[in-house]
Every structure is written in structure tokens, then in C-alpha cells.
PDB file of all heavy atoms in Angstrom:
ATOM      1  N   ASN A   1     126.329  -7.150-132.622  1.00  0.00           N
ATOM      2  CA  ASN A   1     125.915  -5.852-132.870  1.00  0.00           C
ATOM      3  C   ASN A   1     127.082  -4.829-133.084  1.00  0.00           C
ATOM      4  O   ASN A   1     126.945  -3.996-133.933  1.00  0.00           O
ATOM      5  CB  ASN A   1     125.004  -5.308-131.758  1.00  0.00           C
ATOM      6  CG  ASN A   1     123.578  -5.845-131.753  1.00  0.00           C
ATOM      7  OD1 ASN A   1     122.743  -5.133-132.402  1.00  0.00           O
ATOM      8  ND2 ASN A   1     123.280  -6.921-131.215  1.00  0.00           N
ATOM      9  N   ARG A   2     128.064  -5.038-132.334  1.00  0.00           N
ATOM     10  CA  ARG A   2     129.366  -4.120-132.624  1.00  0.00           C
ATOM     11  C   ARG A   2     129.825  -4.251-133.899  1.00  0.00           C
ATOM     12  O   ARG A   2     130.289  -3.255-134.585  1.00  0.00           O
ATOM     13  CB  ARG A   2     130.345  -4.264-131.477  1.00  0.00           C
ATOM     14  CG  ARG A   2     129.913  -3.703-130.075  1.00  0.00           C
ATOM     15  CD  ARG A   2     130.928  -4.011-129.055  1.00  0.00           C
ATOM     16  NE  ARG A   2     130.540  -3.214-127.806  1.00  0.00           N
ATOM     17  CZ  ARG A   2     131.230  -3.457-126.590  1.00  0.00           C
ATOM     18  NH1 ARG A   2     132.155  -4.514-126.614  1.00  0.00           N
ATOM     19  NH2 ARG A   2     130.944  -2.875-125.486  1.00  0.00           N
ATOM     20  N   GLU A   3     129.818  -5.517-134.380  1.00  0.00           N
ATOM     21  CA  GLU A   3     130.383  -5.835-135.777  1.00  0.00           C
ATOM     22  C   GLU A   3     129.605  -5.210-136.888  1.00  0.00           C
ATOM     23  O   GLU A   3     130.055  -4.925-137.901  1.00  0.00           O
ATOM     24  CB  GLU A   3     130.414  -7.386-135.939  1.00  0.00           C
ATOM     25  CG  GLU A   3     131.584  -7.930-134.961  1.00  0.00           C
ATOM     26  CD  GLU A   3     131.736  -9.489-135.229  1.00  0.00           C
ATOM     27  OE1 GLU A   3     130.563 -10.042-135.865  1.00  0.00           O
ATOM     28  OE2 GLU A   3     132.550 -10.126-134.787  1.00  0.00           O
ATOM     29  N   LEU A   4     128.202  -4.951-136.530  1.00  0.00           N
ATOM     30  CA  LEU A   4     127.414  -4.384-137.597  1.00  0.00           C
ATOM     31  C   LEU A   4     127.662  -2.891-137.749  1.00  0.00           C
ATOM     32  O   LEU A   4     127.267  -2.228-138.725  1.00  0.00           O
ATOM     33  CB  LEU A   4     125.841  -4.630-137.179  1.00  0.00           C
ATOM     34  CG  LEU A   4     125.531  -6.010-137.305  1.00  0.00           C
ATOM     35  CD1 LEU A   4     123.949  -6.253-136.828  1.00  0.00           C
ATOM     36  CD2 LEU A   4     125.499  -6.700-138.733  1.00  0.00           C
ATOM     37  N   ILE A   5     128.025  -2.214-136.721  1.00  0.00           N
ATOM     38  CA  ILE A   5     128.117  -0.766-136.649  1.00  0.00           C
ATOM     39  C   ILE A   5     128.995  -0.182-137.733  1.00  0.00           C
ATOM     40  O   ILE A   5     128.671   0.748-138.424  1.00  0.00           O
ATOM     41  CB  ILE A   5     128.520  -0.257-135.248  1.00  0.00           C
ATOM     42  CG1 ILE A   5     127.431  -0.501-134.231  1.00  0.00           C
ATOM     43  CG2 ILE A   5     128.800   1.282-135.288  1.00  0.00           C
ATOM     44  CD1 ILE A   5     127.692  -0.021-132.822  1.00  0.00           C
ATOM     45  N   SER A   6     130.276  -0.724-137.816  1.00  0.00           N
ATOM     46  CA  SER A   6     131.246  -0.334-138.722  1.00  0.00           C
ATOM     47  C   SER A   6     130.702  -0.332-140.292  1.00  0.00           C
ATOM     48  O   SER A   6     130.908   0.746-140.897  1.00  0.00           O
ATOM     49  CB  SER A   6     132.572  -0.961-138.591  1.00  0.00           C
ATOM     50  OG  SER A   6     133.507  -0.471-139.623  1.00  0.00           O
ATOM     51  N   PRO A   7     130.196  -1.361-140.760  1.00  0.00           N
ATOM     52  CA  PRO A   7     129.685  -1.324-142.161  1.00  0.00           C
ATOM     53  C   PRO A   7     128.517  -0.304-142.271  1.00  0.00           C
ATOM     54  O   PRO A   7     128.377   0.263-143.301  1.00  0.00           O
ATOM     55  CB  PRO A   7     129.229  -2.779-142.344  1.00  0.00           C
ATOM     56  CG  PRO A   7     129.968  -3.589-141.369  1.00  0.00           C
ATOM     57  CD  PRO A   7     130.139  -2.626-140.247  1.00  0.00           C
ATOM     58  N   LEU A   8     127.641  -0.282-141.210  1.00  0.00           N
ATOM     59  CA  LEU A   8     126.540   0.779-141.234  1.00  0.00           C
ATOM     60  C   LEU A   8     127.079   2.239-141.568  1.00  0.00           C
ATOM     61  O   LEU A   8     126.557   2.986-142.171  1.00  0.00           O
ATOM     62  CB  LEU A   8     125.639   0.510-140.105  1.00  0.00           C
ATOM     63  CG  LEU A   8     124.780  -0.711-140.087  1.00  0.00           C
ATOM     64  CD1 LEU A   8     124.042  -0.894-138.797  1.00  0.00           C
ATOM     65  CD2 LEU A   8     123.787  -0.781-141.253  1.00  0.00           C
ATOM     66  N   VAL A   9     128.046   2.548-140.574  1.00  0.00           N
ATOM     67  CA  VAL A   9     128.662   3.803-140.683  1.00  0.00           C
ATOM     68  C   VAL A   9     129.332   3.991-142.131  1.00  0.00           C
ATOM     69  O   VAL A   9     129.195   5.099-142.654  1.00  0.00           O
ATOM     70  CB  VAL A   9     129.756   3.926-139.559  1.00  0.00           C
ATOM     71  CG1 VAL A   9     130.612   5.246-139.851  1.00  0.00           C
ATOM     72  CG2 VAL A   9     129.112   4.004-138.194  1.00  0.00           C
ATOM     73  N   ALA A  10     130.063   3.172-142.637  1.00  0.00           N
ATOM     74  CA  ALA A  10     130.694   3.302-143.916  1.00  0.00           C
ATOM     75  C   ALA A  10     129.585   3.323-144.989  1.00  0.00           C
ATOM     76  O   ALA A  10     129.797   4.295-145.861  1.00  0.00           O
ATOM     77  CB  ALA A  10     131.531   2.026-144.229  1.00  0.00           C
ATOM     78  N   ARG A  11     128.434   2.743-144.885  1.00  0.00           N
ATOM     79  CA  ARG A  11     127.495   2.769-145.966  1.00  0.00           C
ATOM     80  C   ARG A  11     126.738   4.193-145.799  1.00  0.00           C
ATOM     81  O   ARG A  11     126.512   4.850-146.956  1.00  0.00           O
ATOM     82  CB  ARG A  11     126.344   1.826-145.709  1.00  0.00           C
ATOM     83  CG  ARG A  11     125.362   1.701-146.903  1.00  0.00           C
ATOM     84  CD  ARG A  11     124.370   0.659-146.629  1.00  0.00           C
ATOM     85  NE  ARG A  11     123.443   0.874-145.313  1.00  0.00           N
ATOM     86  CZ  ARG A  11     122.384   0.094-145.008  1.00  0.00           C
ATOM     87  NH1 ARG A  11     122.153  -0.921-145.646  1.00  0.00           N
ATOM     88  NH2 ARG A  11     121.758   0.472-143.994  1.00  0.00           N
ATOM     89  N   PHE A  12     126.490   4.669-144.730  1.00  0.00           N
ATOM     90  CA  PHE A  12     125.926   5.935-144.419  1.00  0.00           C
ATOM     91  C   PHE A  12     126.816   7.159-144.958  1.00  0.00           C
ATOM     92  O   PHE A  12     126.402   7.956-145.620  1.00  0.00           O
ATOM     93  CB  PHE A  12     125.591   6.219-142.823  1.00  0.00           C
ATOM     94  CG  PHE A  12     124.838   7.376-142.547  1.00  0.00           C
ATOM     95  CD1 PHE A  12     123.454   7.492-142.860  1.00  0.00           C
ATOM     96  CD2 PHE A  12     125.437   8.530-142.066  1.00  0.00           C
ATOM     97  CE1 PHE A  12     122.740   8.604-142.664  1.00  0.00           C
ATOM     98  CE2 PHE A  12     124.730   9.715-141.773  1.00  0.00           C
ATOM     99  CZ  PHE A  12     123.323   9.655-142.028  1.00  0.00           C
ATOM    100  N   ASN A  13     128.196   7.061-144.631  1.00  0.00           N
ATOM    101  CA  ASN A  13     128.975   8.067-145.139  1.00  0.00           C
ATOM    102  C   ASN A  13     129.153   8.194-146.523  1.00  0.00           C
ATOM    103  O   ASN A  13     129.509   9.162-147.194  1.00  0.00           O
ATOM    104  CB  ASN A  13     130.397   7.814-144.467  1.00  0.00           C
ATOM    105  CG  ASN A  13     130.420   8.307-142.906  1.00  0.00           C
ATOM    106  OD1 ASN A  13     129.537   9.178-142.607  1.00  0.00           O
ATOM    107  ND2 ASN A  13     131.224   7.689-142.134  1.00  0.00           N
ATOM    108  N   SER A  14     129.057   6.987-147.285  1.00  0.00           N
ATOM    109  CA  SER A  14     129.257   6.893-148.661  1.00  0.00           C
ATOM    110  C   SER A  14     128.058   7.720-149.355  1.00  0.00           C
ATOM    111  O   SER A  14     128.476   8.308-150.400  1.00  0.00           O
ATOM    112  CB  SER A  14     129.251   5.457-149.155  1.00  0.00           C
ATOM    113  OG  SER A  14     127.974   4.846-149.026  1.00  0.00           O
ATOM    114  N   MET A  15     126.960   7.661-148.787  1.00  0.00           N
ATOM    115  CA  MET A  15     125.846   8.398-149.387  1.00  0.00           C
ATOM    116  C   MET A  15     126.003   9.909-149.181  1.00  0.00           C
ATOM    117  O   MET A  15     125.489  10.795-149.950  1.00  0.00           O
ATOM    118  CB  MET A  15     124.404   7.947-148.782  1.00  0.00           C
ATOM    119  CG  MET A  15     124.209   6.559-149.309  1.00  0.00           C
ATOM    120  SD  MET A  15     122.571   5.956-148.690  1.00  0.00           S
ATOM    121  CE  MET A  15     123.038   5.465-147.047  1.00  0.00           C
ATOM    122  N   LEU A  16     126.742  10.387-148.115  1.00  0.00           N
ATOM    123  CA  LEU A  16     127.070  11.707-147.938  1.00  0.00           C
ATOM    124  C   LEU A  16     128.319  12.241-148.560  1.00  0.00           C
ATOM    125  O   LEU A  16     128.737  13.291-148.320  1.00  0.00           O
ATOM    126  CB  LEU A  16     127.177  12.029-146.337  1.00  0.00           C
ATOM    127  CG  LEU A  16     125.638  12.203-145.683  1.00  0.00           C
ATOM    128  CD1 LEU A  16     124.791  11.148-145.873  1.00  0.00           C
ATOM    129  CD2 LEU A  16     125.835  12.635-144.290  1.00  0.00           C
ATOM    130  N   ASN A  17     128.991  11.295-149.293  1.00  0.00           N
ATOM    131  CA  ASN A  17     130.250  11.449-149.771  1.00  0.00           C
ATOM    132  C   ASN A  17     131.399  11.991-148.717  1.00  0.00           C
ATOM    133  O   ASN A  17     132.104  12.898-149.001  1.00  0.00           O
ATOM    134  CB  ASN A  17     130.157  12.731-150.930  1.00  0.00           C
ATOM    135  CG  ASN A  17     131.298  12.720-151.852  1.00  0.00           C
ATOM    136  OD1 ASN A  17     132.006  11.669-152.091  1.00  0.00           O
ATOM    137  ND2 ASN A  17     131.559  13.840-152.348  1.00  0.00           N
ATOM    138  N   LEU A  18     131.331  11.229-147.640  1.00  0.00           N
ATOM    139  CA  LEU A  18     132.350  11.413-146.602  1.00  0.00           C
ATOM    140  C   LEU A  18     133.232  10.187-146.577  1.00  0.00           C
ATOM    141  O   LEU A  18     133.026   9.150-147.168  1.00  0.00           O
ATOM    142  CB  LEU A  18     131.525  11.709-145.249  1.00  0.00           C
ATOM    143  CG  LEU A  18     130.580  12.840-145.219  1.00  0.00           C
ATOM    144  CD1 LEU A  18     129.955  12.798-143.885  1.00  0.00           C
ATOM    145  CD2 LEU A  18     131.545  14.133-145.337  1.00  0.00           C
ATOM    146  N   GLU A  19     134.275  10.304-145.695  1.00  0.00           N
ATOM    147  CA  GLU A  19     135.198   9.167-145.481  1.00  0.00           C
ATOM    148  C   GLU A  19     134.534   8.026-144.881  1.00  0.00           C
ATOM    149  O   GLU A  19     133.660   8.415-143.910  1.00  0.00           O
ATOM    150  CB  GLU A  19     136.340   9.693-144.618  1.00  0.00           C
ATOM    151  CG  GLU A  19     137.347  10.684-145.323  1.00  0.00           C
ATOM    152  CD  GLU A  19     138.130  10.115-146.427  1.00  0.00           C
ATOM    153  OE1 GLU A  19     138.294   8.802-146.404  1.00  0.00           O
ATOM    154  OE2 GLU A  19     138.236  10.819-147.522  1.00  0.00           O
ATOM    155  N   PRO A  20     134.872   6.806-145.181  1.00  0.00           N
ATOM    156  CA  PRO A  20     133.997   5.648-144.692  1.00  0.00           C
ATOM    157  C   PRO A  20     134.097   5.606-143.182  1.00  0.00           C
ATOM    158  O   PRO A  20     133.106   5.238-142.529  1.00  0.00           O
ATOM    159  CB  PRO A  20     134.761   4.462-145.322  1.00  0.00           C
ATOM    160  CG  PRO A  20     135.428   4.990-146.513  1.00  0.00           C
ATOM    161  CD  PRO A  20     135.760   6.371-146.239  1.00  0.00           C
ATOM    162  N   GLY A  21     135.199   6.030-142.542  1.00  0.00           N
ATOM    163  CA  GLY A  21     135.309   5.921-141.003  1.00  0.00           C
ATOM    164  C   GLY A  21     135.052   7.190-140.420  1.00  0.00           C
ATOM    165  O   GLY A  21     135.096   7.269-139.054  1.00  0.00           O
ATOM    166  N   ALA A  22     134.360   8.164-140.998  1.00  0.00           N
ATOM    167  CA  ALA A  22     134.010   9.406-140.352  1.00  0.00           C
ATOM    168  C   ALA A  22     132.902   9.098-139.245  1.00  0.00           C
ATOM    169  O   ALA A  22     132.042   8.297-139.465  1.00  0.00           O
ATOM    170  CB  ALA A  22     133.464  10.423-141.464  1.00  0.00           C
ATOM    171  N   GLU A  23     133.066   9.898-138.224  1.00  0.00           N
ATOM    172  CA  GLU A  23     132.223   9.663-137.120  1.00  0.00           C
ATOM    173  C   GLU A  23     130.775  10.159-137.393  1.00  0.00           C
ATOM    174  O   GLU A  23     130.624  11.296-138.065  1.00  0.00           O
ATOM    175  CB  GLU A  23     132.737  10.456-135.823  1.00  0.00           C
ATOM    176  CG  GLU A  23     131.786  10.261-134.548  1.00  0.00           C
ATOM    177  CD  GLU A  23     131.548   8.866-134.019  1.00  0.00           C
ATOM    178  OE1 GLU A  23     132.524   8.129-134.256  1.00  0.00           O
ATOM    179  OE2 GLU A  23     130.617   8.595-133.452  1.00  0.00           O
ATOM    180  N   VAL A  24     129.685   9.353-137.076  1.00  0.00           N
ATOM    181  CA  VAL A  24     128.380   9.731-137.366  1.00  0.00           C
ATOM    182  C   VAL A  24     127.602  10.222-136.118  1.00  0.00           C
ATOM    183  O   VAL A  24     127.503   9.285-135.241  1.00  0.00           O
ATOM    184  CB  VAL A  24     127.605   8.612-138.063  1.00  0.00           C
ATOM    185  CG1 VAL A  24     126.138   9.031-138.383  1.00  0.00           C
ATOM    186  CG2 VAL A  24     128.254   8.208-139.400  1.00  0.00           C
ATOM    187  N   ALA A  25     127.334  11.368-135.869  1.00  0.00           N
ATOM    188  CA  ALA A  25     126.752  11.872-134.730  1.00  0.00           C
ATOM    189  C   ALA A  25     125.198  11.672-134.694  1.00  0.00           C
ATOM    190  O   ALA A  25     124.626  11.705-135.737  1.00  0.00           O
ATOM    191  CB  ALA A  25     126.958  13.289-134.458  1.00  0.00           C
ATOM    192  N   LEU A  26     124.725  10.994-133.727  1.00  0.00           N
ATOM    193  CA  LEU A  26     123.222  10.632-133.537  1.00  0.00           C
ATOM    194  C   LEU A  26     122.664  11.251-132.348  1.00  0.00           C
ATOM    195  O   LEU A  26     123.318  11.261-131.302  1.00  0.00           O
ATOM    196  CB  LEU A  26     123.103   9.114-133.710  1.00  0.00           C
ATOM    197  CG  LEU A  26     123.431   8.483-134.926  1.00  0.00           C
ATOM    198  CD1 LEU A  26     123.223   6.926-134.830  1.00  0.00           C
ATOM    199  CD2 LEU A  26     122.573   8.925-136.102  1.00  0.00           C
ATOM    200  N   PRO A  27     121.378  11.682-132.473  1.00  0.00           N
ATOM    201  CA  PRO A  27     120.808  12.235-131.181  1.00  0.00           C
ATOM    202  C   PRO A  27     120.406  10.974-130.239  1.00  0.00           C
ATOM    203  O   PRO A  27     120.293   9.876-130.607  1.00  0.00           O
ATOM    204  CB  PRO A  27     119.586  12.873-131.644  1.00  0.00           C
ATOM    205  CG  PRO A  27     119.229  12.146-132.945  1.00  0.00           C
ATOM    206  CD  PRO A  27     120.556  11.715-133.502  1.00  0.00           C
ATOM    207  N   GLU A  28     120.113  11.372-128.985  1.00  0.00           N
ATOM    208  CA  GLU A  28     119.781  10.435-127.941  1.00  0.00           C
ATOM    209  C   GLU A  28     118.500   9.594-128.300  1.00  0.00           C
ATOM    210  O   GLU A  28     118.175   8.552-128.208  1.00  0.00           O
ATOM    211  CB  GLU A  28     119.665  10.999-126.644  1.00  0.00           C
ATOM    212  CG  GLU A  28     121.049  11.425-125.999  1.00  0.00           C
ATOM    213  CD  GLU A  28     122.001  10.252-125.816  1.00  0.00           C
ATOM    214  OE1 GLU A  28     121.506   9.069-125.388  1.00  0.00           O
ATOM    215  OE2 GLU A  28     123.203  10.341-125.935  1.00  0.00           O
ATOM    216  N   LEU A  29     117.566  10.551-128.696  1.00  0.00           N
ATOM    217  CA  LEU A  29     116.207  10.045-129.230  1.00  0.00           C
ATOM    218  C   LEU A  29     115.877  10.661-130.409  1.00  0.00           C
ATOM    219  O   LEU A  29     116.129  11.805-130.773  1.00  0.00           O
ATOM    220  CB  LEU A  29     115.073  10.424-128.021  1.00  0.00           C
ATOM    221  CG  LEU A  29     115.334   9.630-126.677  1.00  0.00           C
ATOM    222  CD1 LEU A  29     114.187  10.146-125.795  1.00  0.00           C
ATOM    223  CD2 LEU A  29     115.219   8.221-126.861  1.00  0.00           C
ATOM    224  N   ILE A  30     115.067   9.962-131.270  1.00  0.00           N
ATOM    225  CA  ILE A  30     114.688  10.461-132.614  1.00  0.00           C
ATOM    226  C   ILE A  30     113.029  10.392-132.643  1.00  0.00           C
ATOM    227  O   ILE A  30     112.474   9.534-132.017  1.00  0.00           O
ATOM    228  CB  ILE A  30     115.296   9.796-133.754  1.00  0.00           C
ATOM    229  CG1 ILE A  30     114.992   8.230-133.753  1.00  0.00           C
ATOM    230  CG2 ILE A  30     116.751   9.884-133.776  1.00  0.00           C
ATOM    231  CD1 ILE A  30     115.410   7.574-134.952  1.00  0.00           C
ATOM    232  N   ASP A  31     112.573  11.369-133.430  1.00  0.00           N
ATOM    233  CA  ASP A  31     111.091  11.240-133.662  1.00  0.00           C
ATOM    234  C   ASP A  31     110.795  10.431-134.955  1.00  0.00           C
ATOM    235  O   ASP A  31     111.404  10.722-136.035  1.00  0.00           O
ATOM    236  CB  ASP A  31     110.677  12.726-134.017  1.00  0.00           C
ATOM    237  CG  ASP A  31     109.189  12.751-134.257  1.00  0.00           C
ATOM    238  OD1 ASP A  31     108.453  11.787-133.991  1.00  0.00           O
ATOM    239  OD2 ASP A  31     108.632  13.832-134.670  1.00  0.00           O
ATOM    240  N   TYR A  32     110.106   9.388-134.724  1.00  0.00           N
ATOM    241  CA  TYR A  32     109.890   8.383-135.851  1.00  0.00           C
ATOM    242  C   TYR A  32     108.847   8.993-136.886  1.00  0.00           C
ATOM    243  O   TYR A  32     108.820   8.488-138.134  1.00  0.00           O
ATOM    244  CB  TYR A  32     109.469   7.040-135.388  1.00  0.00           C
ATOM    245  CG  TYR A  32     110.272   6.469-134.399  1.00  0.00           C
ATOM    246  CD1 TYR A  32     109.910   6.330-133.012  1.00  0.00           C
ATOM    247  CD2 TYR A  32     111.600   6.148-134.789  1.00  0.00           C
ATOM    248  CE1 TYR A  32     110.813   5.836-132.074  1.00  0.00           C
ATOM    249  CE2 TYR A  32     112.472   5.610-133.713  1.00  0.00           C
ATOM    250  CZ  TYR A  32     112.149   5.372-132.391  1.00  0.00           C
ATOM    251  OH  TYR A  32     113.055   4.880-131.469  1.00  0.00           O
TER     252      TYR A  32
END
């Protein structure tokens, strides 16, 4: 699971036009 996080962060940041390694803040709980 830890190995999956880095590619997911890079993919997410690419859509926001941010640096691949930029930290992605997430809430504790989300409304689905």
C-alpha cells in the first residue's frame, strides 16, 4: 500500500498542474 501512494500522489498533482511530489492534504473523513 505504501508503494501505491507515491504514484497516486504524482497522478493527482499532474491534473492540478503541480509538482509530482507536492504534498496532498486530505481530510480525516470525506462525504461520499
